[in-house]
């Protein structure tokens, strides 16, 4: 029997489940292994070095589980750790494996949505501070002006189940006002945090007419499908039984209670103690 080689999907917590949801919808035949590092979340305000260290540790765990391909479904990890892992670590620890992020596939297409060449980025403080979006968009769409707004309260609102409450409207309006104060020419807004799709309906209510609102899940899913077509040598080793398995570094009960809102269906997770480097099913 061939060894299981699922596609790994990593996030600092729950947000990556919004990306996995769209990936599973687009590519249901593959096996998927999800890890949320909830015990050390949030990553957004941590240093580059800390995010890199945590992310690399989790990537190595995925490799130990047989994954040949790992998706960093976390903007902060993609911004602060991906390049170092790709350039410094993979050549020595696993040259045949691949680690991909969510920023590149998004920035490759975002300019196509804007007719004014002004796009807005709503993200965590860490992602904004990294400058990853302006840098990457510049490579593909040098004519596009990028306007960023850090929204540090949005993830706590979502993870504390307050995102549907009236209090969330204040923070949504506050940050959208700040974003559009930078430019009234913005016609495309990207939710550059995988938590933010849960606020999408509220955000849409307060956007100016005619502004396109994008979330990353569908874009990343399409990008992954294209990547696997271009790299059949990788696609062929990824196992295809349609299975999904979920791990968290914190409470499985808490993870499962939150996960359904992000993934769109009930989830049964297992606990992972990263210090032991082995999954401990509960």
C-alpha atoms as a PDB file:
ATOM      1  CA  UNK A   1       0.000   0.000   0.000  1.00  0.00           C
ATOM      2  CA  UNK A   2       1.317   3.430  -0.951  1.00  0.00           C
ATOM      3  CA  UNK A   3       2.275   5.691   1.932  1.00  0.00           C
ATOM      4  CA  UNK A   4      -0.103   8.488   2.825  1.00  0.00           C
ATOM      5  CA  UNK A   5       1.228  11.819   1.581  1.00  0.00           C
ATOM      6  CA  UNK A   6      -1.471  14.363   2.403  1.00  0.00           C
ATOM      7  CA  UNK A   7      -1.247  18.030   1.505  1.00  0.00           C
ATOM      8  CA  UNK A   8      -0.435  19.949   4.674  1.00  0.00           C
ATOM      9  CA  UNK A   9      -2.316  23.150   5.491  1.00  0.00           C
ATOM     10  CA  UNK A  10      -0.958  25.296   8.316  1.00  0.00           C
ATOM     11  CA  UNK A  11      -2.279  28.281  10.221  1.00  0.00           C
ATOM     12  CA  UNK A  12      -1.583  29.910  13.552  1.00  0.00           C
ATOM     13  CA  UNK A  13      -5.159  29.069  14.510  1.00  0.00           C
ATOM     14  CA  UNK A  14      -8.537  28.750  12.852  1.00  0.00           C
ATOM     15  CA  UNK A  15      -8.301  31.178   9.942  1.00  0.00           C
ATOM     16  CA  UNK A  16      -6.604  28.754   7.564  1.00  0.00           C
ATOM     17  CA  UNK A  17      -9.774  26.689   7.641  1.00  0.00           C
ATOM     18  CA  UNK A  18     -11.402  29.295   5.369  1.00  0.00           C
ATOM     19  CA  UNK A  19      -8.651  28.554   2.845  1.00  0.00           C
ATOM     20  CA  UNK A  20      -8.835  24.784   3.340  1.00  0.00           C
ATOM     21  CA  UNK A  21     -12.608  24.957   2.817  1.00  0.00           C
ATOM     22  CA  UNK A  22     -12.111  26.396  -0.672  1.00  0.00           C
ATOM     23  CA  UNK A  23      -9.195  24.073  -1.480  1.00  0.00           C
ATOM     24  CA  UNK A  24     -11.284  21.013  -0.581  1.00  0.00           C
ATOM     25  CA  UNK A  25     -14.137  22.366  -2.690  1.00  0.00           C
ATOM     26  CA  UNK A  26     -11.843  22.803  -5.706  1.00  0.00           C
ATOM     27  CA  UNK A  27      -9.638  19.706  -5.191  1.00  0.00           C
ATOM     28  CA  UNK A  28     -11.694  17.193  -3.169  1.00  0.00           C
ATOM     29  CA  UNK A  29      -9.761  14.150  -4.303  1.00  0.00           C
ATOM     30  CA  UNK A  30      -6.636  14.871  -2.243  1.00  0.00           C
ATOM     31  CA  UNK A  31      -5.930  13.994   1.388  1.00  0.00           C
ATOM     32  CA  UNK A  32      -5.452  16.993   3.688  1.00  0.00           C
ATOM     33  CA  UNK A  33      -3.769  17.415   7.057  1.00  0.00           C
ATOM     34  CA  UNK A  34      -4.529  20.646   8.916  1.00  0.00           C
ATOM     35  CA  UNK A  35      -2.611  22.063  11.866  1.00  0.00           C
ATOM     36  CA  UNK A  36      -3.642  25.099  13.888  1.00  0.00           C
ATOM     37  CA  UNK A  37      -0.964  26.330  16.295  1.00  0.00           C
ATOM     38  CA  UNK A  38      -3.625  27.746  18.629  1.00  0.00           C
ATOM     39  CA  UNK A  39      -1.480  27.392  21.747  1.00  0.00           C
ATOM     40  CA  UNK A  40       0.891  30.056  20.407  1.00  0.00           C
ATOM     41  CA  UNK A  41      -1.580  32.210  18.501  1.00  0.00           C
ATOM     42  CA  UNK A  42      -1.947  34.928  17.497  1.00  0.00           C
ATOM     43  CA  UNK A  43       1.116  35.287  15.288  1.00  0.00           C
ATOM     44  CA  UNK A  44       0.184  38.754  14.030  1.00  0.00           C
ATOM     45  CA  UNK A  45       2.043  40.793  16.656  1.00  0.00           C
ATOM     46  CA  UNK A  46       5.011  38.458  17.127  1.00  0.00           C
ATOM     47  CA  UNK A  47       8.520  39.194  15.847  1.00  0.00           C
ATOM     48  CA  UNK A  48       9.794  37.936  12.515  1.00  0.00           C
ATOM     49  CA  UNK A  49      12.198  35.579  14.293  1.00  0.00           C
ATOM     50  CA  UNK A  50       9.503  34.081  16.510  1.00  0.00           C
ATOM     51  CA  UNK A  51       7.065  33.554  13.626  1.00  0.00           C
ATOM     52  CA  UNK A  52       9.835  31.966  11.574  1.00  0.00           C
ATOM     53  CA  UNK A  53      10.810  29.633  14.422  1.00  0.00           C
ATOM     54  CA  UNK A  54       7.221  28.533  15.115  1.00  0.00           C
ATOM     55  CA  UNK A  55       6.356  28.117  11.450  1.00  0.00           C
ATOM     56  CA  UNK A  56       9.470  26.082  10.667  1.00  0.00           C
ATOM     57  CA  UNK A  57       8.760  23.790  13.604  1.00  0.00           C
ATOM     58  CA  UNK A  58       5.261  23.134  12.283  1.00  0.00           C
ATOM     59  CA  UNK A  59       6.497  22.641   8.705  1.00  0.00           C
ATOM     60  CA  UNK A  60       8.957  20.025   9.952  1.00  0.00           C
ATOM     61  CA  UNK A  61       6.089  18.263  11.734  1.00  0.00           C
ATOM     62  CA  UNK A  62       4.162  18.119   8.453  1.00  0.00           C
ATOM     63  CA  UNK A  63       7.192  16.652   6.720  1.00  0.00           C
ATOM     64  CA  UNK A  64       7.431  14.010   9.455  1.00  0.00           C
ATOM     65  CA  UNK A  65       3.812  13.069   8.693  1.00  0.00           C
ATOM     66  CA  UNK A  66       4.690  12.387   5.055  1.00  0.00           C
ATOM     67  CA  UNK A  67       3.574  15.672   3.485  1.00  0.00           C
ATOM     68  CA  UNK A  68       5.468  16.621   0.337  1.00  0.00           C
ATOM     69  CA  UNK A  69       3.564  19.887  -0.042  1.00  0.00           C
ATOM     70  CA  UNK A  70       2.661  22.327   2.745  1.00  0.00           C
ATOM     71  CA  UNK A  71       0.485  25.418   2.321  1.00  0.00           C
ATOM     72  CA  UNK A  72       1.013  28.249   4.810  1.00  0.00           C
ATOM     73  CA  UNK A  73      -2.640  29.331   4.936  1.00  0.00           C
ATOM     74  CA  UNK A  74      -1.638  32.201   7.202  1.00  0.00           C
ATOM     75  CA  UNK A  75      -0.724  35.653   5.951  1.00  0.00           C
ATOM     76  CA  UNK A  76       1.590  36.382   8.867  1.00  0.00           C
ATOM     77  CA  UNK A  77       3.530  33.132   8.421  1.00  0.00           C
ATOM     78  CA  UNK A  78       3.628  33.694   4.663  1.00  0.00           C
ATOM     79  CA  UNK A  79       4.912  37.242   5.180  1.00  0.00           C
ATOM     80  CA  UNK A  80       7.425  36.600   7.938  1.00  0.00           C
ATOM     81  CA  UNK A  81       8.639  33.027   7.453  1.00  0.00           C
ATOM     82  CA  UNK A  82       7.984  31.629   3.972  1.00  0.00           C
ATOM     83  CA  UNK A  83      10.924  33.115   2.113  1.00  0.00           C
ATOM     84  CA  UNK A  84      13.445  32.048   4.762  1.00  0.00           C
ATOM     85  CA  UNK A  85      12.044  28.508   4.819  1.00  0.00           C
ATOM     86  CA  UNK A  86      12.073  28.252   1.026  1.00  0.00           C
ATOM     87  CA  UNK A  87      15.546  29.693   0.552  1.00  0.00           C
ATOM     88  CA  UNK A  88      17.420  28.683   3.711  1.00  0.00           C
ATOM     89  CA  UNK A  89      15.838  25.529   5.085  1.00  0.00           C
ATOM     90  CA  UNK A  90      14.296  23.456   2.293  1.00  0.00           C
ATOM     91  CA  UNK A  91      17.539  22.985   0.323  1.00  0.00           C
ATOM     92  CA  UNK A  92      19.148  21.323   3.334  1.00  0.00           C
ATOM     93  CA  UNK A  93      16.301  19.555   5.159  1.00  0.00           C
ATOM     94  CA  UNK A  94      13.922  18.548   2.348  1.00  0.00           C
ATOM     95  CA  UNK A  95      14.963  19.639  -1.157  1.00  0.00           C
ATOM     96  CA  UNK A  96      12.277  17.489  -2.791  1.00  0.00           C
ATOM     97  CA  UNK A  97       9.424  19.053  -0.772  1.00  0.00           C
ATOM     98  CA  UNK A  98       7.621  22.347  -1.289  1.00  0.00           C
ATOM     99  CA  UNK A  99       6.181  25.026   0.999  1.00  0.00           C
ATOM    100  CA  UNK A 100       3.821  27.606  -0.507  1.00  0.00           C
ATOM    101  CA  UNK A 101       2.040  30.635   0.928  1.00  0.00           C
ATOM    102  CA  UNK A 102      -1.134  32.639   0.368  1.00  0.00           C
ATOM    103  CA  UNK A 103       0.408  35.988  -0.571  1.00  0.00           C
ATOM    104  CA  UNK A 104       1.966  35.085  -3.928  1.00  0.00           C
ATOM    105  CA  UNK A 105      -1.143  33.593  -5.595  1.00  0.00           C
ATOM    106  CA  UNK A 106      -3.171  36.591  -4.420  1.00  0.00           C
ATOM    107  CA  UNK A 107      -0.747  39.249  -5.599  1.00  0.00           C
ATOM    108  CA  UNK A 108      -0.388  37.527  -8.985  1.00  0.00           C
ATOM    109  CA  UNK A 109      -4.013  38.331  -9.831  1.00  0.00           C
ATOM    110  CA  UNK A 110      -5.213  41.236  -7.697  1.00  0.00           C
ATOM    111  CA  UNK A 111      -4.323  43.905 -10.261  1.00  0.00           C
ATOM    112  CA  UNK A 112      -6.774  42.356 -12.731  1.00  0.00           C
ATOM    113  CA  UNK A 113      -9.687  43.338 -10.499  1.00  0.00           C
ATOM    114  CA  UNK A 114      -8.873  47.057 -10.354  1.00  0.00           C
ATOM    115  CA  UNK A 115      -9.682  49.567 -13.052  1.00  0.00           C
ATOM    116  CA  UNK A 116      -8.391  52.550 -11.047  1.00  0.00           C
ATOM    117  CA  UNK A 117      -5.077  50.883 -10.120  1.00  0.00           C
ATOM    118  CA  UNK A 118      -5.739  51.552  -6.438  1.00  0.00           C
ATOM    119  CA  UNK A 119      -6.214  48.550  -4.150  1.00  0.00           C
ATOM    120  CA  UNK A 120      -6.731  48.363  -0.403  1.00  0.00           C
ATOM    121  CA  UNK A 121      -5.289  45.713   1.895  1.00  0.00           C
ATOM    122  CA  UNK A 122      -6.962  44.902   5.224  1.00  0.00           C
ATOM    123  CA  UNK A 123      -4.623  42.792   7.347  1.00  0.00           C
ATOM    124  CA  UNK A 124      -3.052  42.137  10.730  1.00  0.00           C
ATOM    125  CA  UNK A 125      -0.435  44.490  12.139  1.00  0.00           C
ATOM    126  CA  UNK A 126       2.299  41.954  11.390  1.00  0.00           C
ATOM    127  CA  UNK A 127       1.325  41.497   7.757  1.00  0.00           C
ATOM    128  CA  UNK A 128       1.120  45.252   7.171  1.00  0.00           C
ATOM    129  CA  UNK A 129       4.473  45.825   8.891  1.00  0.00           C
ATOM    130  CA  UNK A 130       6.142  43.194   6.717  1.00  0.00           C
ATOM    131  CA  UNK A 131       5.408  45.173   3.551  1.00  0.00           C
ATOM    132  CA  UNK A 132       4.882  41.885   1.717  1.00  0.00           C
ATOM    133  CA  UNK A 133       1.805  42.928  -0.210  1.00  0.00           C
ATOM    134  CA  UNK A 134       3.180  46.164  -1.688  1.00  0.00           C
ATOM    135  CA  UNK A 135       6.432  44.397  -2.569  1.00  0.00           C
ATOM    136  CA  UNK A 136       4.766  41.425  -4.254  1.00  0.00           C
ATOM    137  CA  UNK A 137       2.105  43.448  -6.059  1.00  0.00           C
ATOM    138  CA  UNK A 138       4.843  45.713  -7.411  1.00  0.00           C
ATOM    139  CA  UNK A 139       6.412  42.697  -9.143  1.00  0.00           C
ATOM    140  CA  UNK A 140       3.260  41.815 -11.083  1.00  0.00           C
ATOM    141  CA  UNK A 141       1.419  45.140 -11.335  1.00  0.00           C
ATOM    142  CA  UNK A 142       3.917  48.017 -10.999  1.00  0.00           C
ATOM    143  CA  UNK A 143       1.205  50.518 -11.932  1.00  0.00           C
ATOM    144  CA  UNK A 144      -0.972  49.595  -8.934  1.00  0.00           C
ATOM    145  CA  UNK A 145      -1.000  51.778  -5.821  1.00  0.00           C
ATOM    146  CA  UNK A 146      -1.365  49.745  -2.622  1.00  0.00           C
ATOM    147  CA  UNK A 147      -3.030  51.186   0.483  1.00  0.00           C
ATOM    148  CA  UNK A 148      -2.783  49.156   3.703  1.00  0.00           C
ATOM    149  CA  UNK A 149      -4.785  49.227   6.918  1.00  0.00           C
ATOM    150  CA  UNK A 150      -3.950  47.171  10.013  1.00  0.00           C
ATOM    151  CA  UNK A 151      -7.031  45.888  11.860  1.00  0.00           C
ATOM    152  CA  UNK A 152      -5.739  44.509  15.175  1.00  0.00           C
ATOM    153  CA  UNK A 153      -9.164  44.108  16.782  1.00  0.00           C
ATOM    154  CA  UNK A 154     -10.756  42.001  14.075  1.00  0.00           C
ATOM    155  CA  UNK A 155      -9.187  38.634  14.913  1.00  0.00           C
ATOM    156  CA  UNK A 156     -10.047  38.902  18.651  1.00  0.00           C
ATOM    157  CA  UNK A 157     -13.620  39.845  17.737  1.00  0.00           C
ATOM    158  CA  UNK A 158     -13.906  36.799  15.502  1.00  0.00           C
ATOM    159  CA  UNK A 159     -12.275  34.342  17.902  1.00  0.00           C
ATOM    160  CA  UNK A 160     -14.471  35.547  20.763  1.00  0.00           C
ATOM    161  CA  UNK A 161     -17.612  35.069  18.658  1.00  0.00           C
ATOM    162  CA  UNK A 162     -18.365  38.796  18.652  1.00  0.00           C
ATOM    163  CA  UNK A 163     -18.104  39.249  14.890  1.00  0.00           C
ATOM    164  CA  UNK A 164     -21.874  39.103  14.350  1.00  0.00           C
ATOM    165  CA  UNK A 165     -22.634  41.525  17.182  1.00  0.00           C
ATOM    166  CA  UNK A 166     -23.299  45.270  16.726  1.00  0.00           C
ATOM    167  CA  UNK A 167     -20.039  46.113  18.505  1.00  0.00           C
ATOM    168  CA  UNK A 168     -18.103  44.690  15.562  1.00  0.00           C
ATOM    169  CA  UNK A 169     -19.651  47.304  13.266  1.00  0.00           C
ATOM    170  CA  UNK A 170     -17.741  50.078  15.052  1.00  0.00           C
ATOM    171  CA  UNK A 171     -14.355  48.498  14.332  1.00  0.00           C
ATOM    172  CA  UNK A 172     -15.278  47.636  10.756  1.00  0.00           C
ATOM    173  CA  UNK A 173     -16.404  51.182  10.046  1.00  0.00           C
ATOM    174  CA  UNK A 174     -13.367  52.661  11.798  1.00  0.00           C
ATOM    175  CA  UNK A 175     -10.839  50.752   9.700  1.00  0.00           C
ATOM    176  CA  UNK A 176     -12.684  51.147   6.414  1.00  0.00           C
ATOM    177  CA  UNK A 177     -12.855  54.906   7.004  1.00  0.00           C
ATOM    178  CA  UNK A 178      -9.121  54.965   7.717  1.00  0.00           C
ATOM    179  CA  UNK A 179      -8.398  52.931   4.578  1.00  0.00           C
ATOM    180  CA  UNK A 180     -10.469  55.118   2.262  1.00  0.00           C
ATOM    181  CA  UNK A 181      -9.038  58.272   3.836  1.00  0.00           C
ATOM    182  CA  UNK A 182      -5.789  57.177   2.198  1.00  0.00           C
ATOM    183  CA  UNK A 183      -7.427  57.298  -1.226  1.00  0.00           C
ATOM    184  CA  UNK A 184     -10.945  57.605  -2.579  1.00  0.00           C
ATOM    185  CA  UNK A 185      -9.779  55.878  -5.774  1.00  0.00           C
ATOM    186  CA  UNK A 186      -9.626  52.430  -4.156  1.00  0.00           C
ATOM    187  CA  UNK A 187     -11.933  50.124  -6.113  1.00  0.00           C
ATOM    188  CA  UNK A 188     -10.673  46.733  -4.897  1.00  0.00           C
ATOM    189  CA  UNK A 189     -10.240  45.622  -1.282  1.00  0.00           C
ATOM    190  CA  UNK A 190      -8.497  42.420  -0.240  1.00  0.00           C
ATOM    191  CA  UNK A 191      -9.144  40.647   3.050  1.00  0.00           C
ATOM    192  CA  UNK A 192      -5.504  39.742   3.676  1.00  0.00           C
ATOM    193  CA  UNK A 193      -6.190  37.684   6.785  1.00  0.00           C
ATOM    194  CA  UNK A 194      -7.865  34.294   6.642  1.00  0.00           C
ATOM    195  CA  UNK A 195     -10.088  35.177   9.627  1.00  0.00           C
ATOM    196  CA  UNK A 196     -11.645  38.144   7.892  1.00  0.00           C
ATOM    197  CA  UNK A 197     -14.092  36.250   5.611  1.00  0.00           C
ATOM    198  CA  UNK A 198     -16.253  35.801   8.714  1.00  0.00           C
ATOM    199  CA  UNK A 199     -16.662  39.590   8.725  1.00  0.00           C
ATOM    200  CA  UNK A 200     -17.213  39.787   4.982  1.00  0.00           C
ATOM    201  CA  UNK A 201     -20.927  40.590   5.141  1.00  0.00           C
ATOM    202  CA  UNK A 202     -20.390  43.419   7.639  1.00  0.00           C
ATOM    203  CA  UNK A 203     -17.485  44.801   5.637  1.00  0.00           C
ATOM    204  CA  UNK A 204     -19.530  44.735   2.436  1.00  0.00           C
ATOM    205  CA  UNK A 205     -22.263  46.813   4.108  1.00  0.00           C
ATOM    206  CA  UNK A 206     -19.883  49.723   4.698  1.00  0.00           C
ATOM    207  CA  UNK A 207     -17.895  49.683   1.468  1.00  0.00           C
ATOM    208  CA  UNK A 208     -18.528  52.434  -1.076  1.00  0.00           C
ATOM    209  CA  UNK A 209     -20.638  51.412  -4.054  1.00  0.00           C
ATOM    210  CA  UNK A 210     -18.748  49.646  -6.826  1.00  0.00           C
ATOM    211  CA  UNK A 211     -15.852  48.421  -4.684  1.00  0.00           C
ATOM    212  CA  UNK A 212     -14.883  44.773  -5.221  1.00  0.00           C
ATOM    213  CA  UNK A 213     -14.241  42.784  -2.029  1.00  0.00           C
ATOM    214  CA  UNK A 214     -11.891  39.803  -2.299  1.00  0.00           C
ATOM    215  CA  UNK A 215     -11.079  37.012   0.148  1.00  0.00           C
ATOM    216  CA  UNK A 216      -8.202  34.639  -0.406  1.00  0.00           C
ATOM    217  CA  UNK A 217      -9.670  31.152  -0.210  1.00  0.00           C
ATOM    218  CA  UNK A 218     -10.941  30.852  -3.762  1.00  0.00           C
ATOM    219  CA  UNK A 219      -7.867  32.569  -5.209  1.00  0.00           C
ATOM    220  CA  UNK A 220      -5.474  30.285  -3.317  1.00  0.00           C
ATOM    221  CA  UNK A 221      -7.482  27.182  -4.242  1.00  0.00           C
ATOM    222  CA  UNK A 222      -7.323  28.037  -7.939  1.00  0.00           C
ATOM    223  CA  UNK A 223      -3.630  28.850  -7.621  1.00  0.00           C
ATOM    224  CA  UNK A 224      -2.959  25.488  -5.986  1.00  0.00           C
ATOM    225  CA  UNK A 225      -4.804  23.665  -8.762  1.00  0.00           C
ATOM    226  CA  UNK A 226      -2.723  25.497 -11.367  1.00  0.00           C
ATOM    227  CA  UNK A 227       0.487  24.755  -9.429  1.00  0.00           C
ATOM    228  CA  UNK A 228      -0.234  21.027  -9.272  1.00  0.00           C
ATOM    229  CA  UNK A 229      -0.929  20.989 -13.018  1.00  0.00           C
ATOM    230  CA  UNK A 230       2.417  22.655 -13.659  1.00  0.00           C
ATOM    231  CA  UNK A 231       4.175  20.248 -11.285  1.00  0.00           C
ATOM    232  CA  UNK A 232       2.814  16.763 -12.052  1.00  0.00           C
ATOM    233  CA  UNK A 233       5.795  15.210 -10.264  1.00  0.00           C
ATOM    234  CA  UNK A 234       4.439  16.693  -7.034  1.00  0.00           C
ATOM    235  CA  UNK A 235       0.770  16.032  -7.769  1.00  0.00           C
ATOM    236  CA  UNK A 236       1.446  12.339  -8.337  1.00  0.00           C
ATOM    237  CA  UNK A 237       2.942  11.784  -4.869  1.00  0.00           C
ATOM    238  CA  UNK A 238       0.104  13.536  -3.018  1.00  0.00           C
ATOM    239  CA  UNK A 239      -2.302  10.819  -1.886  1.00  0.00           C
ATOM    240  CA  UNK A 240      -5.875  10.906  -3.105  1.00  0.00           C
ATOM    241  CA  UNK A 241      -8.431   9.317  -0.791  1.00  0.00           C
ATOM    242  CA  UNK A 242     -10.490  12.416  -0.053  1.00  0.00           C
ATOM    243  CA  UNK A 243      -9.564  12.327   3.655  1.00  0.00           C
ATOM    244  CA  UNK A 244      -9.191  15.264   6.052  1.00  0.00           C
ATOM    245  CA  UNK A 245      -7.525  15.221   9.455  1.00  0.00           C
ATOM    246  CA  UNK A 246      -7.267  18.153  11.856  1.00  0.00           C
ATOM    247  CA  UNK A 247      -4.776  18.916  14.639  1.00  0.00           C
ATOM    248  CA  UNK A 248      -4.445  21.738  17.134  1.00  0.00           C
ATOM    249  CA  UNK A 249      -1.711  22.531  19.633  1.00  0.00           C
ATOM    250  CA  UNK A 250      -4.321  23.685  22.160  1.00  0.00           C
ATOM    251  CA  UNK A 251      -7.698  22.451  23.388  1.00  0.00           C
ATOM    252  CA  UNK A 252      -9.465  20.167  20.924  1.00  0.00           C
ATOM    253  CA  UNK A 253     -12.836  21.098  22.416  1.00  0.00           C
ATOM    254  CA  UNK A 254     -12.197  24.796  21.873  1.00  0.00           C
ATOM    255  CA  UNK A 255     -10.847  24.176  18.381  1.00  0.00           C
ATOM    256  CA  UNK A 256     -13.836  22.070  17.359  1.00  0.00           C
ATOM    257  CA  UNK A 257     -16.280  24.645  18.741  1.00  0.00           C
ATOM    258  CA  UNK A 258     -14.727  27.413  16.657  1.00  0.00           C
ATOM    259  CA  UNK A 259     -13.783  25.434  13.568  1.00  0.00           C
ATOM    260  CA  UNK A 260     -17.268  24.899  12.180  1.00  0.00           C
ATOM    261  CA  UNK A 261     -17.718  28.649  11.644  1.00  0.00           C
ATOM    262  CA  UNK A 262     -14.517  28.797   9.581  1.00  0.00           C
ATOM    263  CA  UNK A 263     -14.725  25.461   7.758  1.00  0.00           C
ATOM    264  CA  UNK A 264     -18.443  25.343   7.178  1.00  0.00           C
ATOM    265  CA  UNK A 265     -18.964  21.926   8.767  1.00  0.00           C
ATOM    266  CA  UNK A 266     -18.290  20.115  12.012  1.00  0.00           C
ATOM    267  CA  UNK A 267     -14.672  19.203  12.740  1.00  0.00           C
ATOM    268  CA  UNK A 268     -13.192  16.561  15.050  1.00  0.00           C
ATOM    269  CA  UNK A 269      -9.608  17.478  15.895  1.00  0.00           C
ATOM    270  CA  UNK A 270      -6.673  15.797  17.622  1.00  0.00           C
ATOM    271  CA  UNK A 271      -4.202  17.361  20.012  1.00  0.00           C
ATOM    272  CA  UNK A 272      -0.566  17.836  19.044  1.00  0.00           C
ATOM    273  CA  UNK A 273       2.180  18.489  21.569  1.00  0.00           C
ATOM    274  CA  UNK A 274       4.889  20.045  19.437  1.00  0.00           C
ATOM    275  CA  UNK A 275       7.521  19.510  22.120  1.00  0.00           C
ATOM    276  CA  UNK A 276       6.928  15.777  21.871  1.00  0.00           C
ATOM    277  CA  UNK A 277       6.806  16.015  18.071  1.00  0.00           C
ATOM    278  CA  UNK A 278       4.116  13.356  17.870  1.00  0.00           C
ATOM    279  CA  UNK A 279       0.317  13.582  17.633  1.00  0.00           C
ATOM    280  CA  UNK A 280      -1.610  12.600  20.730  1.00  0.00           C
ATOM    281  CA  UNK A 281      -5.198  11.843  19.812  1.00  0.00           C
ATOM    282  CA  UNK A 282      -7.752  12.711  22.443  1.00  0.00           C
END
